[in-house]
């Protein structure tokens, strides 16, 4: 008699192996309706943001509209070398970085402080009214805002000079719009006034997720308002602040073109000429398309590099990052 323990199993005895499904495919099948809702936004990004990247090669060609992109001769890095060796390179880079750093230092922490103060406001009605009033300037167009700046700070009849002469006794009007040393202050602090309320909304939303029980426990333990802000509120919005800081670094050198260009004049041109306004002038006004594309591409590469570096540093130090 044969030993059954040594019998060789046949194909009929072996259970069929189940086909392994890719987790990504499984996820797509399970949530296909949600991805379908995401499709229009994805198509928008691909069509309007990625497809135009085809034209980046203009920066490496001597572009002629009559010959088209592919018909224009390839010049390699000549446009970049021309920009790096130009007399305006260091002044443009210095003006852009100075304005960017000043804007970041002034405009980034103020919405955080403003949100923390509103969150601790005893009167909810007063807090909501203050929040509504503070974010209304965000909807003022750049053209109107620059017009307000020109009217308020003009030498003759300007509200600021009138107040300085009547309240503080200034004899001579201050030429805010005709001195280059005032340009950056006017640009940055008008932006702070316009965007503080709007930028604080996301921090207020983060603070609203903090459980009231944590504050009640802190009050029972004898914590003051400043201690509750420091140990309860601030840690809750820190990840949000880090993410927004990383995103701001991604557009570090992309200073608002419209506002700077509208505020420019012959008196402040030495500090107000930045990379974006220079690109507009040589690209649109002077029709140097390849050269302006090279300058713009250099600007974007620097922004992308800063985004990657800051995101990596933030991930290691704070644990919060974009990816």
C-alpha atoms as a PDB file:
ATOM      1  CA  UNK A   1       0.000   0.000   0.000  1.00  0.00           C
ATOM      2  CA  UNK A   2       1.294   3.441  -0.975  1.00  0.00           C
ATOM      3  CA  UNK A   3       1.945   6.051   1.692  1.00  0.00           C
ATOM      4  CA  UNK A   4      -0.493   8.919   1.180  1.00  0.00           C
ATOM      5  CA  UNK A   5       1.862  11.377   2.853  1.00  0.00           C
ATOM      6  CA  UNK A   6       4.327  11.077  -0.013  1.00  0.00           C
ATOM      7  CA  UNK A   7       1.757  11.493  -2.769  1.00  0.00           C
ATOM      8  CA  UNK A   8       2.480  14.301  -5.238  1.00  0.00           C
ATOM      9  CA  UNK A   9      -0.368  16.861  -5.311  1.00  0.00           C
ATOM     10  CA  UNK A  10      -2.040  17.352  -8.646  1.00  0.00           C
ATOM     11  CA  UNK A  11      -3.305  20.611 -10.182  1.00  0.00           C
ATOM     12  CA  UNK A  12      -6.780  19.721  -9.029  1.00  0.00           C
ATOM     13  CA  UNK A  13      -5.646  19.595  -5.388  1.00  0.00           C
ATOM     14  CA  UNK A  14      -3.881  23.043  -5.469  1.00  0.00           C
ATOM     15  CA  UNK A  15      -6.288  26.002  -4.868  1.00  0.00           C
ATOM     16  CA  UNK A  16      -6.191  28.625  -7.635  1.00  0.00           C
ATOM     17  CA  UNK A  17      -3.976  31.614  -6.880  1.00  0.00           C
ATOM     18  CA  UNK A  18      -5.931  34.829  -6.508  1.00  0.00           C
ATOM     19  CA  UNK A  19      -4.916  37.600  -8.857  1.00  0.00           C
ATOM     20  CA  UNK A  20      -3.215  40.400  -6.970  1.00  0.00           C
ATOM     21  CA  UNK A  21      -4.827  43.785  -7.550  1.00  0.00           C
ATOM     22  CA  UNK A  22      -2.726  46.932  -7.554  1.00  0.00           C
ATOM     23  CA  UNK A  23      -3.656  49.087  -4.500  1.00  0.00           C
ATOM     24  CA  UNK A  24      -3.820  52.212  -6.652  1.00  0.00           C
ATOM     25  CA  UNK A  25      -6.222  50.595  -9.100  1.00  0.00           C
ATOM     26  CA  UNK A  26      -8.304  49.333  -6.198  1.00  0.00           C
ATOM     27  CA  UNK A  27      -8.440  52.824  -4.712  1.00  0.00           C
ATOM     28  CA  UNK A  28      -9.467  54.336  -8.066  1.00  0.00           C
ATOM     29  CA  UNK A  29     -12.268  51.811  -8.494  1.00  0.00           C
ATOM     30  CA  UNK A  30     -13.566  52.384  -4.997  1.00  0.00           C
ATOM     31  CA  UNK A  31     -13.552  56.214  -5.198  1.00  0.00           C
ATOM     32  CA  UNK A  32     -14.061  56.761  -8.938  1.00  0.00           C
ATOM     33  CA  UNK A  33     -16.822  59.317  -8.357  1.00  0.00           C
ATOM     34  CA  UNK A  34     -14.542  61.516  -6.225  1.00  0.00           C
ATOM     35  CA  UNK A  35     -11.759  61.385  -8.810  1.00  0.00           C
ATOM     36  CA  UNK A  36     -14.291  62.267 -11.483  1.00  0.00           C
ATOM     37  CA  UNK A  37     -15.083  65.479  -9.577  1.00  0.00           C
ATOM     38  CA  UNK A  38     -11.335  66.164  -9.426  1.00  0.00           C
ATOM     39  CA  UNK A  39     -10.918  65.735 -13.193  1.00  0.00           C
ATOM     40  CA  UNK A  40     -11.946  69.306 -14.278  1.00  0.00           C
ATOM     41  CA  UNK A  41      -9.428  70.888 -11.908  1.00  0.00           C
ATOM     42  CA  UNK A  42      -6.750  68.469 -13.091  1.00  0.00           C
ATOM     43  CA  UNK A  43      -7.460  69.263 -16.740  1.00  0.00           C
ATOM     44  CA  UNK A  44      -7.350  72.989 -15.956  1.00  0.00           C
ATOM     45  CA  UNK A  45      -3.893  72.660 -14.398  1.00  0.00           C
ATOM     46  CA  UNK A  46      -2.531  70.451 -17.172  1.00  0.00           C
ATOM     47  CA  UNK A  47      -3.869  72.555 -20.060  1.00  0.00           C
ATOM     48  CA  UNK A  48      -3.116  76.017 -18.674  1.00  0.00           C
ATOM     49  CA  UNK A  49      -0.009  75.351 -16.589  1.00  0.00           C
ATOM     50  CA  UNK A  50       1.863  72.372 -18.027  1.00  0.00           C
ATOM     51  CA  UNK A  51       1.127  72.505 -21.755  1.00  0.00           C
ATOM     52  CA  UNK A  52       2.477  76.110 -22.037  1.00  0.00           C
ATOM     53  CA  UNK A  53       5.807  74.854 -20.652  1.00  0.00           C
ATOM     54  CA  UNK A  54       6.490  73.871 -24.259  1.00  0.00           C
ATOM     55  CA  UNK A  55       7.310  77.543 -24.873  1.00  0.00           C
ATOM     56  CA  UNK A  56      10.104  77.585 -22.269  1.00  0.00           C
ATOM     57  CA  UNK A  57      12.538  76.644 -25.039  1.00  0.00           C
ATOM     58  CA  UNK A  58      12.222  80.222 -26.325  1.00  0.00           C
ATOM     59  CA  UNK A  59      14.759  81.130 -23.637  1.00  0.00           C
ATOM     60  CA  UNK A  60      17.320  78.925 -25.435  1.00  0.00           C
ATOM     61  CA  UNK A  61      16.589  80.226 -28.943  1.00  0.00           C
ATOM     62  CA  UNK A  62      16.875  83.468 -30.866  1.00  0.00           C
ATOM     63  CA  UNK A  63      13.101  83.606 -31.203  1.00  0.00           C
ATOM     64  CA  UNK A  64      11.518  85.163 -34.249  1.00  0.00           C
ATOM     65  CA  UNK A  65       7.679  85.221 -34.414  1.00  0.00           C
ATOM     66  CA  UNK A  66       7.775  84.713 -38.189  1.00  0.00           C
ATOM     67  CA  UNK A  67       9.836  81.519 -37.924  1.00  0.00           C
ATOM     68  CA  UNK A  68       8.026  80.137 -34.892  1.00  0.00           C
ATOM     69  CA  UNK A  69       9.520  78.358 -31.906  1.00  0.00           C
ATOM     70  CA  UNK A  70      10.981  75.363 -33.740  1.00  0.00           C
ATOM     71  CA  UNK A  71      12.113  77.448 -36.704  1.00  0.00           C
ATOM     72  CA  UNK A  72      14.117  79.910 -34.601  1.00  0.00           C
ATOM     73  CA  UNK A  73      17.850  79.175 -34.265  1.00  0.00           C
ATOM     74  CA  UNK A  74      19.085  77.463 -31.105  1.00  0.00           C
ATOM     75  CA  UNK A  75      21.538  79.626 -29.101  1.00  0.00           C
ATOM     76  CA  UNK A  76      21.807  77.599 -25.902  1.00  0.00           C
ATOM     77  CA  UNK A  77      22.726  79.628 -22.802  1.00  0.00           C
ATOM     78  CA  UNK A  78      23.610  82.838 -24.638  1.00  0.00           C
ATOM     79  CA  UNK A  79      20.558  84.713 -23.304  1.00  0.00           C
ATOM     80  CA  UNK A  80      21.415  83.721 -19.732  1.00  0.00           C
ATOM     81  CA  UNK A  81      25.049  84.772 -20.167  1.00  0.00           C
ATOM     82  CA  UNK A  82      23.859  88.101 -21.510  1.00  0.00           C
ATOM     83  CA  UNK A  83      21.685  88.652 -18.441  1.00  0.00           C
ATOM     84  CA  UNK A  84      24.362  87.596 -15.932  1.00  0.00           C
ATOM     85  CA  UNK A  85      26.952  89.877 -17.550  1.00  0.00           C
ATOM     86  CA  UNK A  86      24.625  92.875 -17.921  1.00  0.00           C
ATOM     87  CA  UNK A  87      25.075  96.006 -15.841  1.00  0.00           C
ATOM     88  CA  UNK A  88      21.552  95.668 -14.419  1.00  0.00           C
ATOM     89  CA  UNK A  89      21.927  92.114 -13.070  1.00  0.00           C
ATOM     90  CA  UNK A  90      23.132  92.840  -9.545  1.00  0.00           C
ATOM     91  CA  UNK A  91      20.909  95.886  -9.063  1.00  0.00           C
ATOM     92  CA  UNK A  92      17.844  93.943 -10.250  1.00  0.00           C
ATOM     93  CA  UNK A  93      18.651  90.979  -8.025  1.00  0.00           C
ATOM     94  CA  UNK A  94      19.409  93.224  -5.045  1.00  0.00           C
ATOM     95  CA  UNK A  95      16.226  95.288  -5.435  1.00  0.00           C
ATOM     96  CA  UNK A  96      14.089  92.167  -5.840  1.00  0.00           C
ATOM     97  CA  UNK A  97      15.593  90.414  -2.819  1.00  0.00           C
ATOM     98  CA  UNK A  98      15.422  93.527  -0.640  1.00  0.00           C
ATOM     99  CA  UNK A  99      11.740  94.035  -1.432  1.00  0.00           C
ATOM    100  CA  UNK A 100      10.974  90.326  -0.992  1.00  0.00           C
ATOM    101  CA  UNK A 101      12.746  90.018   2.364  1.00  0.00           C
ATOM    102  CA  UNK A 102      11.159  93.224   3.659  1.00  0.00           C
ATOM    103  CA  UNK A 103       7.703  92.058   2.554  1.00  0.00           C
ATOM    104  CA  UNK A 104       8.169  88.621   4.102  1.00  0.00           C
ATOM    105  CA  UNK A 105       9.416  89.957   7.445  1.00  0.00           C
ATOM    106  CA  UNK A 106       6.612  92.521   7.712  1.00  0.00           C
ATOM    107  CA  UNK A 107       3.646  90.698   6.201  1.00  0.00           C
ATOM    108  CA  UNK A 108       4.104  87.100   7.380  1.00  0.00           C
ATOM    109  CA  UNK A 109       3.981  87.352  11.226  1.00  0.00           C
ATOM    110  CA  UNK A 110       1.390  90.150  11.480  1.00  0.00           C
ATOM    111  CA  UNK A 111      -1.610  88.012  10.337  1.00  0.00           C
ATOM    112  CA  UNK A 112      -0.596  85.380  12.906  1.00  0.00           C
ATOM    113  CA  UNK A 113      -0.550  87.933  15.719  1.00  0.00           C
ATOM    114  CA  UNK A 114      -3.798  89.446  14.465  1.00  0.00           C
ATOM    115  CA  UNK A 115      -5.517  86.036  14.432  1.00  0.00           C
ATOM    116  CA  UNK A 116      -4.289  85.219  17.937  1.00  0.00           C
ATOM    117  CA  UNK A 117      -5.607  88.538  19.251  1.00  0.00           C
ATOM    118  CA  UNK A 118      -9.000  88.086  17.582  1.00  0.00           C
ATOM    119  CA  UNK A 119      -9.266  84.581  18.987  1.00  0.00           C
ATOM    120  CA  UNK A 120      -8.813  85.933  22.521  1.00  0.00           C
ATOM    121  CA  UNK A 121     -11.286  88.771  22.021  1.00  0.00           C
ATOM    122  CA  UNK A 122     -13.916  88.680  24.795  1.00  0.00           C
ATOM    123  CA  UNK A 123     -16.686  90.141  22.627  1.00  0.00           C
ATOM    124  CA  UNK A 124     -17.509  87.833  19.732  1.00  0.00           C
ATOM    125  CA  UNK A 125     -19.472  90.548  17.929  1.00  0.00           C
ATOM    126  CA  UNK A 126     -16.541  92.948  18.137  1.00  0.00           C
ATOM    127  CA  UNK A 127     -14.175  90.245  16.917  1.00  0.00           C
ATOM    128  CA  UNK A 128     -16.335  89.356  13.908  1.00  0.00           C
ATOM    129  CA  UNK A 129     -16.840  93.038  13.029  1.00  0.00           C
ATOM    130  CA  UNK A 130     -13.088  93.660  13.251  1.00  0.00           C
ATOM    131  CA  UNK A 131     -12.381  90.626  11.088  1.00  0.00           C
ATOM    132  CA  UNK A 132     -14.878  91.736   8.443  1.00  0.00           C
ATOM    133  CA  UNK A 133     -13.519  95.290   8.337  1.00  0.00           C
ATOM    134  CA  UNK A 134      -9.911  94.083   8.210  1.00  0.00           C
ATOM    135  CA  UNK A 135     -10.297  91.840   5.166  1.00  0.00           C
ATOM    136  CA  UNK A 136     -12.355  94.294   3.105  1.00  0.00           C
ATOM    137  CA  UNK A 137      -9.228  96.111   1.740  1.00  0.00           C
ATOM    138  CA  UNK A 138      -8.187  92.826   0.121  1.00  0.00           C
ATOM    139  CA  UNK A 139     -10.862  93.348  -2.540  1.00  0.00           C
ATOM    140  CA  UNK A 140      -9.487  96.744  -3.585  1.00  0.00           C
ATOM    141  CA  UNK A 141      -7.792  96.475  -6.967  1.00  0.00           C
ATOM    142  CA  UNK A 142      -4.087  97.252  -7.288  1.00  0.00           C
ATOM    143  CA  UNK A 143      -4.791 100.246  -9.524  1.00  0.00           C
ATOM    144  CA  UNK A 144      -7.168 101.770  -6.973  1.00  0.00           C
ATOM    145  CA  UNK A 145      -4.738 101.074  -4.119  1.00  0.00           C
ATOM    146  CA  UNK A 146      -1.867 102.831  -5.895  1.00  0.00           C
ATOM    147  CA  UNK A 147      -4.228 105.724  -6.656  1.00  0.00           C
ATOM    148  CA  UNK A 148      -5.039 105.982  -2.936  1.00  0.00           C
ATOM    149  CA  UNK A 149      -1.320 105.983  -2.100  1.00  0.00           C
ATOM    150  CA  UNK A 150      -0.639 108.771  -4.620  1.00  0.00           C
ATOM    151  CA  UNK A 151      -3.486 110.898  -3.270  1.00  0.00           C
ATOM    152  CA  UNK A 152      -2.673 110.417   0.418  1.00  0.00           C
ATOM    153  CA  UNK A 153       1.093 110.852   0.168  1.00  0.00           C
ATOM    154  CA  UNK A 154       1.401 113.612  -2.409  1.00  0.00           C
ATOM    155  CA  UNK A 155       3.443 116.646  -1.387  1.00  0.00           C
ATOM    156  CA  UNK A 156       0.718 119.269  -1.815  1.00  0.00           C
ATOM    157  CA  UNK A 157      -2.714 118.507  -0.438  1.00  0.00           C
ATOM    158  CA  UNK A 158      -1.906 114.961   0.628  1.00  0.00           C
ATOM    159  CA  UNK A 159      -3.633 113.823   3.816  1.00  0.00           C
ATOM    160  CA  UNK A 160      -0.427 112.550   5.406  1.00  0.00           C
ATOM    161  CA  UNK A 161       1.477 115.813   4.847  1.00  0.00           C
ATOM    162  CA  UNK A 162      -1.490 117.836   6.099  1.00  0.00           C
ATOM    163  CA  UNK A 163      -1.562 115.809   9.335  1.00  0.00           C
ATOM    164  CA  UNK A 164       2.199 116.113   9.751  1.00  0.00           C
ATOM    165  CA  UNK A 165       2.095 119.892   9.327  1.00  0.00           C
ATOM    166  CA  UNK A 166      -0.915 120.531  11.561  1.00  0.00           C
ATOM    167  CA  UNK A 167      -0.371 117.986  14.323  1.00  0.00           C
ATOM    168  CA  UNK A 168       3.422 117.705  14.466  1.00  0.00           C
ATOM    169  CA  UNK A 169       4.384 121.118  13.129  1.00  0.00           C
ATOM    170  CA  UNK A 170       6.320 120.051  10.033  1.00  0.00           C
ATOM    171  CA  UNK A 171       7.087 123.142   7.976  1.00  0.00           C
ATOM    172  CA  UNK A 172       8.065 121.538   4.684  1.00  0.00           C
ATOM    173  CA  UNK A 173       6.109 118.703   3.082  1.00  0.00           C
ATOM    174  CA  UNK A 174       7.805 115.321   2.812  1.00  0.00           C
ATOM    175  CA  UNK A 175       8.214 114.122  -0.762  1.00  0.00           C
ATOM    176  CA  UNK A 176       7.148 110.517  -0.183  1.00  0.00           C
ATOM    177  CA  UNK A 177       6.577 109.803  -3.862  1.00  0.00           C
ATOM    178  CA  UNK A 178       9.701 111.535  -5.133  1.00  0.00           C
ATOM    179  CA  UNK A 179      12.316 109.986  -2.832  1.00  0.00           C
ATOM    180  CA  UNK A 180      13.547 106.460  -3.434  1.00  0.00           C
ATOM    181  CA  UNK A 181      14.050 105.817   0.290  1.00  0.00           C
ATOM    182  CA  UNK A 182      10.278 105.815   0.866  1.00  0.00           C
ATOM    183  CA  UNK A 183       9.354 103.472  -1.974  1.00  0.00           C
ATOM    184  CA  UNK A 184       9.867 100.162  -0.164  1.00  0.00           C
ATOM    185  CA  UNK A 185       8.080 101.362   2.967  1.00  0.00           C
ATOM    186  CA  UNK A 186       5.056 102.509   0.969  1.00  0.00           C
ATOM    187  CA  UNK A 187       4.976  99.264  -1.004  1.00  0.00           C
ATOM    188  CA  UNK A 188       5.322  96.901   1.961  1.00  0.00           C
ATOM    189  CA  UNK A 189       3.103  98.590   4.532  1.00  0.00           C
ATOM    190  CA  UNK A 190       0.305  99.318   2.092  1.00  0.00           C
ATOM    191  CA  UNK A 191       0.386  95.591   1.326  1.00  0.00           C
ATOM    192  CA  UNK A 192       0.244  94.773   5.039  1.00  0.00           C
ATOM    193  CA  UNK A 193      -2.795  97.029   5.429  1.00  0.00           C
ATOM    194  CA  UNK A 194      -4.494  95.446   2.429  1.00  0.00           C
ATOM    195  CA  UNK A 195      -3.828  91.756   3.104  1.00  0.00           C
ATOM    196  CA  UNK A 196      -3.527  91.267   6.875  1.00  0.00           C
ATOM    197  CA  UNK A 197      -7.214  90.564   7.451  1.00  0.00           C
ATOM    198  CA  UNK A 198      -7.477  88.209   4.487  1.00  0.00           C
ATOM    199  CA  UNK A 199      -4.297  86.299   5.389  1.00  0.00           C
ATOM    200  CA  UNK A 200      -5.463  85.841   8.980  1.00  0.00           C
ATOM    201  CA  UNK A 201      -8.595  83.898   7.941  1.00  0.00           C
ATOM    202  CA  UNK A 202      -6.767  80.591   7.595  1.00  0.00           C
ATOM    203  CA  UNK A 203      -5.165  81.014  11.030  1.00  0.00           C
ATOM    204  CA  UNK A 204      -8.520  81.841  12.582  1.00  0.00           C
ATOM    205  CA  UNK A 205      -9.917  78.667  11.012  1.00  0.00           C
ATOM    206  CA  UNK A 206      -7.065  76.660  12.555  1.00  0.00           C
ATOM    207  CA  UNK A 207      -7.672  78.226  15.964  1.00  0.00           C
ATOM    208  CA  UNK A 208     -11.359  77.333  15.799  1.00  0.00           C
ATOM    209  CA  UNK A 209     -10.399  73.644  15.770  1.00  0.00           C
ATOM    210  CA  UNK A 210      -8.792  73.899  19.220  1.00  0.00           C
ATOM    211  CA  UNK A 211     -11.025  72.230  21.802  1.00  0.00           C
ATOM    212  CA  UNK A 212     -12.488  74.661  24.383  1.00  0.00           C
ATOM    213  CA  UNK A 213     -11.827  72.027  27.020  1.00  0.00           C
ATOM    214  CA  UNK A 214      -8.095  72.606  26.648  1.00  0.00           C
ATOM    215  CA  UNK A 215      -8.548  76.304  27.406  1.00  0.00           C
ATOM    216  CA  UNK A 216     -10.836  75.499  30.328  1.00  0.00           C
ATOM    217  CA  UNK A 217      -8.254  73.131  31.758  1.00  0.00           C
ATOM    218  CA  UNK A 218      -5.554  75.775  31.323  1.00  0.00           C
ATOM    219  CA  UNK A 219      -7.711  78.366  33.114  1.00  0.00           C
ATOM    220  CA  UNK A 220      -8.288  75.947  35.983  1.00  0.00           C
ATOM    221  CA  UNK A 221      -4.520  75.455  36.238  1.00  0.00           C
ATOM    222  CA  UNK A 222      -4.123  79.226  36.543  1.00  0.00           C
ATOM    223  CA  UNK A 223      -2.774  79.993  33.057  1.00  0.00           C
ATOM    224  CA  UNK A 224      -3.005  83.612  31.938  1.00  0.00           C
ATOM    225  CA  UNK A 225      -4.124  84.695  28.447  1.00  0.00           C
ATOM    226  CA  UNK A 226      -0.552  85.087  27.272  1.00  0.00           C
ATOM    227  CA  UNK A 227       0.315  81.616  28.551  1.00  0.00           C
ATOM    228  CA  UNK A 228      -2.712  80.115  26.808  1.00  0.00           C
ATOM    229  CA  UNK A 229      -1.733  81.858  23.581  1.00  0.00           C
ATOM    230  CA  UNK A 230       1.834  80.577  23.897  1.00  0.00           C
ATOM    231  CA  UNK A 231       1.171  76.982  24.953  1.00  0.00           C
ATOM    232  CA  UNK A 232      -2.262  76.252  23.433  1.00  0.00           C
ATOM    233  CA  UNK A 233      -3.078  78.522  20.493  1.00  0.00           C
ATOM    234  CA  UNK A 234       0.333  79.022  18.934  1.00  0.00           C
ATOM    235  CA  UNK A 235       1.260  75.304  18.710  1.00  0.00           C
ATOM    236  CA  UNK A 236      -2.100  74.624  17.041  1.00  0.00           C
ATOM    237  CA  UNK A 237      -1.412  77.031  14.163  1.00  0.00           C
ATOM    238  CA  UNK A 238       2.315  76.339  13.849  1.00  0.00           C
ATOM    239  CA  UNK A 239       1.941  73.601  11.168  1.00  0.00           C
ATOM    240  CA  UNK A 240      -0.298  75.910   9.120  1.00  0.00           C
ATOM    241  CA  UNK A 241       2.187  78.763   9.485  1.00  0.00           C
ATOM    242  CA  UNK A 242       5.043  76.506   8.352  1.00  0.00           C
ATOM    243  CA  UNK A 243       3.168  75.367   5.247  1.00  0.00           C
ATOM    244  CA  UNK A 244       2.284  78.963   4.313  1.00  0.00           C
ATOM    245  CA  UNK A 245       5.878  80.040   4.895  1.00  0.00           C
ATOM    246  CA  UNK A 246       7.114  77.326   2.527  1.00  0.00           C
ATOM    247  CA  UNK A 247       4.586  78.412  -0.113  1.00  0.00           C
ATOM    248  CA  UNK A 248       5.681  82.041   0.286  1.00  0.00           C
ATOM    249  CA  UNK A 249       9.287  81.004  -0.288  1.00  0.00           C
ATOM    250  CA  UNK A 250       8.162  79.407  -3.545  1.00  0.00           C
ATOM    251  CA  UNK A 251       7.349  82.882  -4.866  1.00  0.00           C
ATOM    252  CA  UNK A 252      10.142  84.701  -3.037  1.00  0.00           C
ATOM    253  CA  UNK A 253      11.487  86.575  -6.073  1.00  0.00           C
ATOM    254  CA  UNK A 254       8.095  86.942  -7.752  1.00  0.00           C
ATOM    255  CA  UNK A 255       7.309  90.328  -6.252  1.00  0.00           C
ATOM    256  CA  UNK A 256       3.965  91.734  -7.375  1.00  0.00           C
ATOM    257  CA  UNK A 257       4.631  93.223 -10.801  1.00  0.00           C
ATOM    258  CA  UNK A 258       1.506  95.373 -11.172  1.00  0.00           C
ATOM    259  CA  UNK A 259       1.889  97.325  -7.946  1.00  0.00           C
ATOM    260  CA  UNK A 260       5.611  97.933  -8.382  1.00  0.00           C
ATOM    261  CA  UNK A 261       5.163  99.033 -11.987  1.00  0.00           C
ATOM    262  CA  UNK A 262       2.355 101.448 -11.104  1.00  0.00           C
ATOM    263  CA  UNK A 263       4.374 102.954  -8.237  1.00  0.00           C
ATOM    264  CA  UNK A 264       7.476 103.447 -10.369  1.00  0.00           C
ATOM    265  CA  UNK A 265       8.672 106.884 -11.430  1.00  0.00           C
ATOM    266  CA  UNK A 266      11.955 108.420 -12.496  1.00  0.00           C
ATOM    267  CA  UNK A 267      12.804 109.389  -8.912  1.00  0.00           C
ATOM    268  CA  UNK A 268      12.555 105.907  -7.388  1.00  0.00           C
ATOM    269  CA  UNK A 269      13.603 103.800 -10.382  1.00  0.00           C
ATOM    270  CA  UNK A 270      16.956 102.898  -8.835  1.00  0.00           C
ATOM    271  CA  UNK A 271      15.227 100.885  -6.075  1.00  0.00           C
ATOM    272  CA  UNK A 272      11.929 100.003  -7.774  1.00  0.00           C
ATOM    273  CA  UNK A 273      13.305  98.287 -10.872  1.00  0.00           C
ATOM    274  CA  UNK A 274      12.965  94.567 -10.123  1.00  0.00           C
ATOM    275  CA  UNK A 275      13.196  91.398 -12.206  1.00  0.00           C
ATOM    276  CA  UNK A 276       9.485  91.237 -13.085  1.00  0.00           C
ATOM    277  CA  UNK A 277       9.272  94.864 -14.278  1.00  0.00           C
ATOM    278  CA  UNK A 278      12.539  94.483 -16.184  1.00  0.00           C
ATOM    279  CA  UNK A 279      11.180  91.346 -17.879  1.00  0.00           C
ATOM    280  CA  UNK A 280       8.038  93.218 -18.918  1.00  0.00           C
ATOM    281  CA  UNK A 281       9.968  96.136 -20.365  1.00  0.00           C
ATOM    282  CA  UNK A 282      12.436  94.120 -22.404  1.00  0.00           C
ATOM    283  CA  UNK A 283       9.906  91.469 -23.401  1.00  0.00           C
ATOM    284  CA  UNK A 284       6.745  93.415 -24.217  1.00  0.00           C
ATOM    285  CA  UNK A 285       7.980  96.944 -24.814  1.00  0.00           C
ATOM    286  CA  UNK A 286      11.304  96.087 -26.497  1.00  0.00           C
ATOM    287  CA  UNK A 287      10.149  92.795 -28.120  1.00  0.00           C
ATOM    288  CA  UNK A 288      13.232  90.870 -26.907  1.00  0.00           C
ATOM    289  CA  UNK A 289      11.249  87.700 -26.362  1.00  0.00           C
ATOM    290  CA  UNK A 290      14.070  85.193 -25.923  1.00  0.00           C
ATOM    291  CA  UNK A 291      16.038  87.403 -23.564  1.00  0.00           C
ATOM    292  CA  UNK A 292      13.002  88.189 -21.396  1.00  0.00           C
ATOM    293  CA  UNK A 293      12.081  84.480 -21.310  1.00  0.00           C
ATOM    294  CA  UNK A 294      15.575  83.661 -20.071  1.00  0.00           C
ATOM    295  CA  UNK A 295      15.293  86.258 -17.318  1.00  0.00           C
ATOM    296  CA  UNK A 296      11.883  84.953 -16.291  1.00  0.00           C
ATOM    297  CA  UNK A 297      13.096  81.345 -16.337  1.00  0.00           C
ATOM    298  CA  UNK A 298      16.045  82.269 -14.124  1.00  0.00           C
ATOM    299  CA  UNK A 299      13.596  83.865 -11.671  1.00  0.00           C
ATOM    300  CA  UNK A 300      11.399  80.756 -11.600  1.00  0.00           C
ATOM    301  CA  UNK A 301      14.345  78.378 -11.162  1.00  0.00           C
ATOM    302  CA  UNK A 302      15.514  80.351  -8.117  1.00  0.00           C
ATOM    303  CA  UNK A 303      11.988  80.238  -6.662  1.00  0.00           C
ATOM    304  CA  UNK A 304      11.724  76.494  -7.245  1.00  0.00           C
ATOM    305  CA  UNK A 305      15.132  75.898  -5.660  1.00  0.00           C
ATOM    306  CA  UNK A 306      14.200  77.921  -2.578  1.00  0.00           C
ATOM    307  CA  UNK A 307      10.924  76.002  -2.308  1.00  0.00           C
ATOM    308  CA  UNK A 308      12.722  72.643  -2.363  1.00  0.00           C
ATOM    309  CA  UNK A 309      15.398  73.700   0.137  1.00  0.00           C
ATOM    310  CA  UNK A 310      13.003  75.320   2.622  1.00  0.00           C
ATOM    311  CA  UNK A 311      10.566  72.416   2.358  1.00  0.00           C
ATOM    312  CA  UNK A 312      13.335  69.917   3.131  1.00  0.00           C
ATOM    313  CA  UNK A 313      14.684  71.952   6.056  1.00  0.00           C
ATOM    314  CA  UNK A 314      11.180  72.427   7.451  1.00  0.00           C
ATOM    315  CA  UNK A 315      10.436  68.711   7.213  1.00  0.00           C
ATOM    316  CA  UNK A 316      13.549  67.867   9.224  1.00  0.00           C
ATOM    317  CA  UNK A 317      13.171  70.595  11.874  1.00  0.00           C
ATOM    318  CA  UNK A 318       9.409  70.873  12.428  1.00  0.00           C
ATOM    319  CA  UNK A 319       8.046  67.725  10.798  1.00  0.00           C
ATOM    320  CA  UNK A 320       5.695  69.819   8.612  1.00  0.00           C
ATOM    321  CA  UNK A 321       6.292  70.008   4.872  1.00  0.00           C
ATOM    322  CA  UNK A 322       4.435  70.060   1.566  1.00  0.00           C
ATOM    323  CA  UNK A 323       5.575  66.527   0.721  1.00  0.00           C
END
